[in-house]
Amino acid sequence: KPVDQLVSELWGADSALRAEARSALAAHGTKAVAPMVRAVRNDKTRRTVVSILREMGAVKVVPELIGLLSDEEAQIKAGSLMFSVIGAESVAQAKTLLECVRSKPAVDNYCGTSLVKVMSKNPGAHLGMLRKALGDKNTLARVYAAASLSHAGAKAAPAVPELTKALADSDSTVRWNAAEALGNVGAAAKPAAPALKKALEDSSAEVRRRAEEALKAING
């Protein structure tokens, strides 16, 4: 059956046809992604599509979803679905996601939160990219770089100099994410202690709180 017909049968009255359509679409692979994305209308249809995409595998479907982020009619749906299925297995998309944060304001939140998800387990070869992004002229790029590093734990230790500098960022969200990242690094972030102590007087209560927690974590 054609993909469009299978998509239309996903939410039909016949349960057997629904099951058959679901299996067939998963077997069709990436060419079924765009038609399914465009068919999302509500939470029920979204849940069905998310389930099929997960069955296909994030490594295969995420590049297709990223491609749809440039489609004005499909980009919001694609971004939402991408965030739902993406994980550490898609770390190869980190650079693309960061560029999306910079260049696609309609879906920058989906790209940024997806970036945090893919980097959370192991920043690996992309650590340098995140360190550089902490000085990006784009505020959201700095926000999501700091947030990604805050989820990387001790593996973010090489970024301590950039995170320390980020404590003085003009954006409070960058500052508190940087403080949290330094705390999650632990003892290796001791060089940041003076800057964190200064952050205890920050105008943002959230920054002050995260700085205090970071100092406790660093000092044991």
Protein backbone atom coordinates (compact mmCIF):
# COMPACT_ATOMS: atom_id res chain seq x y z
CA LYS A 1 0.00 0.00 0.00
CA PRO A 2 1.13 3.59 -0.59
CA VAL A 3 2.53 5.37 2.46
CA ASP A 4 -0.21 8.02 2.45
CA GLN A 5 -2.89 5.33 2.54
CA LEU A 6 -1.18 3.57 5.42
CA VAL A 7 -0.96 6.84 7.35
CA SER A 8 -4.67 7.45 6.85
CA GLU A 9 -5.40 3.97 8.23
CA LEU A 10 -3.46 4.57 11.45
CA TRP A 11 -6.48 6.08 13.15
CA GLY A 12 -9.29 4.25 11.39
CA ALA A 13 -12.10 2.30 13.05
CA ASP A 14 -10.70 -1.12 12.10
CA SER A 15 -8.16 -2.19 14.73
CA ALA A 16 -6.69 -4.84 12.43
CA LEU A 17 -6.06 -2.26 9.72
CA ARG A 18 -4.51 0.08 12.28
CA ALA A 19 -2.08 -2.60 13.43
CA GLU A 20 -1.25 -3.53 9.85
CA ALA A 21 -0.65 0.11 8.91
CA ARG A 22 1.59 0.65 11.92
CA SER A 23 3.77 -2.35 11.08
CA ALA A 24 3.93 -1.46 7.40
CA LEU A 25 4.94 2.13 8.07
CA ALA A 26 7.70 1.04 10.42
CA ALA A 27 8.93 -1.31 7.68
CA HIS A 28 8.83 1.47 5.07
CA GLY A 29 11.50 3.30 7.05
CA THR A 30 12.55 6.90 6.58
CA LYS A 31 10.38 7.60 3.56
CA ALA A 32 7.35 7.31 5.86
CA VAL A 33 8.61 9.95 8.28
CA ALA A 34 7.49 13.13 6.50
CA PRO A 35 3.94 11.89 5.73
CA MET A 36 3.49 10.82 9.37
CA VAL A 37 4.77 14.15 10.66
CA ARG A 38 2.34 16.05 8.48
CA ALA A 39 -0.53 13.82 9.63
CA VAL A 40 -0.15 14.76 13.30
CA ARG A 41 -3.25 16.66 14.40
CA ASN A 42 -3.59 16.17 18.14
CA ASP A 43 -2.11 14.38 21.15
CA LYS A 44 -3.55 11.01 20.09
CA THR A 45 -2.06 11.12 16.60
CA ARG A 46 1.19 12.48 17.99
CA ARG A 47 1.55 9.58 20.45
CA THR A 48 1.00 7.07 17.66
CA VAL A 49 3.63 8.68 15.44
CA VAL A 50 6.14 8.96 18.29
CA SER A 51 5.72 5.26 18.98
CA ILE A 52 6.35 4.32 15.34
CA LEU A 53 9.35 6.64 15.08
CA ARG A 54 10.86 5.07 18.17
CA GLU A 55 10.34 1.65 16.64
CA MET A 56 12.20 2.80 13.53
CA GLY A 57 15.06 4.06 15.67
CA ALA A 58 16.23 7.58 16.44
CA VAL A 59 19.48 7.23 14.48
CA LYS A 60 17.44 6.75 11.30
CA VAL A 61 14.56 9.16 11.88
CA VAL A 62 16.23 12.14 13.55
CA PRO A 63 18.05 13.27 10.36
CA GLU A 64 14.70 13.16 8.55
CA LEU A 65 13.05 15.22 11.29
CA ILE A 66 15.91 17.73 11.22
CA GLY A 67 15.38 18.10 7.49
CA LEU A 68 11.74 18.99 8.11
CA LEU A 69 12.73 21.82 10.44
CA SER A 70 13.19 23.94 7.31
CA ASP A 71 9.60 23.27 6.21
CA GLU A 72 7.41 26.07 7.58
CA GLU A 73 4.30 23.91 7.56
CA ALA A 74 5.88 20.91 9.28
CA GLN A 75 8.69 22.39 11.40
CA ILE A 76 6.82 22.71 14.72
CA LYS A 77 5.51 19.14 14.51
CA ALA A 78 8.93 17.87 13.44
CA GLY A 79 10.66 19.69 16.28
CA SER A 80 8.26 18.34 18.87
CA LEU A 81 8.59 14.80 17.56
CA MET A 82 12.37 15.10 17.39
CA PHE A 83 12.56 16.07 21.04
CA SER A 84 10.42 13.06 21.95
CA VAL A 85 12.54 10.46 20.17
CA ILE A 86 16.08 11.83 20.31
CA GLY A 87 18.70 10.65 22.78
CA ALA A 88 22.40 10.11 23.31
CA GLU A 89 22.54 7.80 20.29
CA SER A 90 22.11 10.89 18.07
CA VAL A 91 25.16 12.74 19.38
CA ALA A 92 26.44 13.03 15.81
CA GLN A 93 23.68 15.61 15.24
CA ALA A 94 25.01 17.96 17.95
CA LYS A 95 26.58 20.46 15.57
CA THR A 96 23.46 20.59 13.41
CA LEU A 97 21.25 21.12 16.45
CA LEU A 98 23.41 23.98 17.71
CA GLU A 99 23.27 25.63 14.30
CA CYS A 100 19.49 25.22 14.38
CA VAL A 101 19.41 27.12 17.69
CA ARG A 102 21.22 29.98 15.99
CA SER A 103 19.31 30.05 12.71
CA LYS A 104 15.76 28.72 13.18
CA PRO A 105 13.92 30.84 15.77
CA ALA A 106 10.61 29.03 15.20
CA VAL A 107 12.08 25.77 16.54
CA ASP A 108 15.16 26.91 18.46
CA ASN A 109 13.71 25.60 21.72
CA TYR A 110 13.22 22.10 20.28
CA CYS A 111 16.74 22.12 18.84
CA GLY A 112 18.24 23.40 22.08
CA THR A 113 16.50 20.93 24.35
CA SER A 114 17.34 18.14 21.92
CA LEU A 115 20.97 19.23 22.05
CA VAL A 116 20.92 18.89 25.83
CA LYS A 117 19.50 15.38 25.49
CA VAL A 118 22.11 14.16 23.01
CA MET A 119 25.01 15.60 24.97
CA SER A 120 23.89 14.53 28.44
CA LYS A 121 25.69 11.19 28.57
CA ASN A 122 28.98 11.93 26.89
CA PRO A 123 29.97 15.26 25.29
CA GLY A 124 32.97 13.49 23.76
CA ALA A 125 34.30 15.04 20.59
CA HIS A 126 31.74 17.85 20.79
CA LEU A 127 33.03 19.28 24.06
CA GLY A 128 35.14 21.80 22.18
CA MET A 129 32.08 22.96 20.26
CA LEU A 130 30.18 23.58 23.49
CA ARG A 131 33.11 25.41 25.06
CA LYS A 132 33.28 27.72 22.07
CA ALA A 133 29.50 28.19 22.08
CA LEU A 134 29.64 29.60 25.61
CA GLY A 135 31.07 32.72 23.97
CA ASP A 136 28.61 32.77 21.06
CA LYS A 137 26.94 36.06 20.16
CA ASN A 138 23.60 34.22 20.11
CA THR A 139 22.16 34.14 23.63
CA LEU A 140 20.26 30.88 23.17
CA ALA A 141 23.36 29.18 21.83
CA ARG A 142 25.11 30.12 25.07
CA VAL A 143 22.13 29.02 27.14
CA TYR A 144 21.93 25.57 25.58
CA ALA A 145 25.70 25.10 25.56
CA ALA A 146 25.77 25.79 29.31
CA ALA A 147 22.74 23.56 29.87
CA SER A 148 24.34 20.73 27.89
CA LEU A 149 27.51 21.00 29.96
CA SER A 150 25.48 21.03 33.17
CA HIS A 151 24.14 17.60 32.21
CA ALA A 152 27.58 16.22 31.38
CA GLY A 153 28.77 16.02 34.99
CA ALA A 154 32.48 15.49 35.57
CA LYS A 155 33.04 15.05 31.84
CA ALA A 156 32.60 18.81 31.49
CA ALA A 157 35.79 19.44 33.49
CA PRO A 158 37.80 20.70 30.48
CA ALA A 159 35.21 23.48 30.10
CA VAL A 160 35.77 24.92 33.60
CA PRO A 161 37.56 28.05 32.27
CA GLU A 162 34.73 28.87 29.86
CA LEU A 163 32.05 28.04 32.45
CA THR A 164 33.78 30.29 34.96
CA LYS A 165 33.72 33.15 32.46
CA ALA A 166 30.05 32.40 31.75
CA LEU A 167 29.20 33.23 35.38
CA ALA A 168 29.49 36.86 34.27
CA ASP A 169 27.30 36.43 31.18
CA SER A 170 24.68 39.12 30.52
CA ASP A 171 21.95 36.46 30.53
CA SER A 172 20.93 35.02 33.90
CA THR A 173 19.94 31.65 32.41
CA VAL A 174 23.44 31.23 31.06
CA ARG A 175 24.84 32.20 34.45
CA TRP A 176 22.82 29.73 36.51
CA ASN A 177 23.41 26.90 34.04
CA ALA A 178 27.13 27.64 34.21
CA ALA A 179 27.02 27.58 38.00
CA GLU A 180 25.16 24.28 37.97
CA ALA A 181 27.61 22.81 35.46
CA LEU A 182 30.55 23.77 37.66
CA GLY A 183 28.91 22.14 40.67
CA ASN A 184 28.30 18.99 38.68
CA VAL A 185 31.96 18.88 37.66
CA GLY A 186 32.85 18.63 41.33
CA ALA A 187 36.29 19.07 42.86
CA ALA A 188 37.93 19.64 39.48
CA ALA A 189 36.05 22.96 39.31
CA LYS A 190 37.86 24.44 42.33
CA PRO A 191 39.54 27.12 40.17
CA ALA A 192 36.03 28.53 39.68
CA ALA A 193 35.44 29.00 43.43
CA PRO A 194 36.28 32.75 43.54
CA ALA A 195 33.89 33.47 40.65
CA LEU A 196 31.19 31.34 42.29
CA LYS A 197 31.61 33.25 45.55
CA LYS A 198 31.14 36.47 43.62
CA ALA A 199 28.02 34.94 42.04
CA LEU A 200 26.52 34.66 45.54
CA GLU A 201 25.81 38.37 45.15
CA ASP A 202 24.22 38.02 41.69
CA SER A 203 21.04 39.98 40.98
CA SER A 204 19.29 36.71 40.12
CA ALA A 205 18.10 34.58 43.02
CA GLU A 206 18.42 31.46 40.87
CA VAL A 207 22.05 32.23 40.08
CA ARG A 208 22.76 32.80 43.78
CA ARG A 209 21.12 29.50 44.69
CA ARG A 210 22.98 27.50 42.03
CA ALA A 211 26.28 29.15 42.97
CA GLU A 212 25.81 28.23 46.59
CA GLU A 213 25.00 24.62 45.67
CA ALA A 214 28.02 24.51 43.33
CA LEU A 215 30.39 25.69 46.06
CA LYS A 216 29.09 22.99 48.36
CA ALA A 217 29.58 20.34 45.69
CA ILE A 218 33.07 21.54 44.83
CA ASN A 219 34.24 21.76 48.43
CA GLY A 220 32.69 18.45 49.39
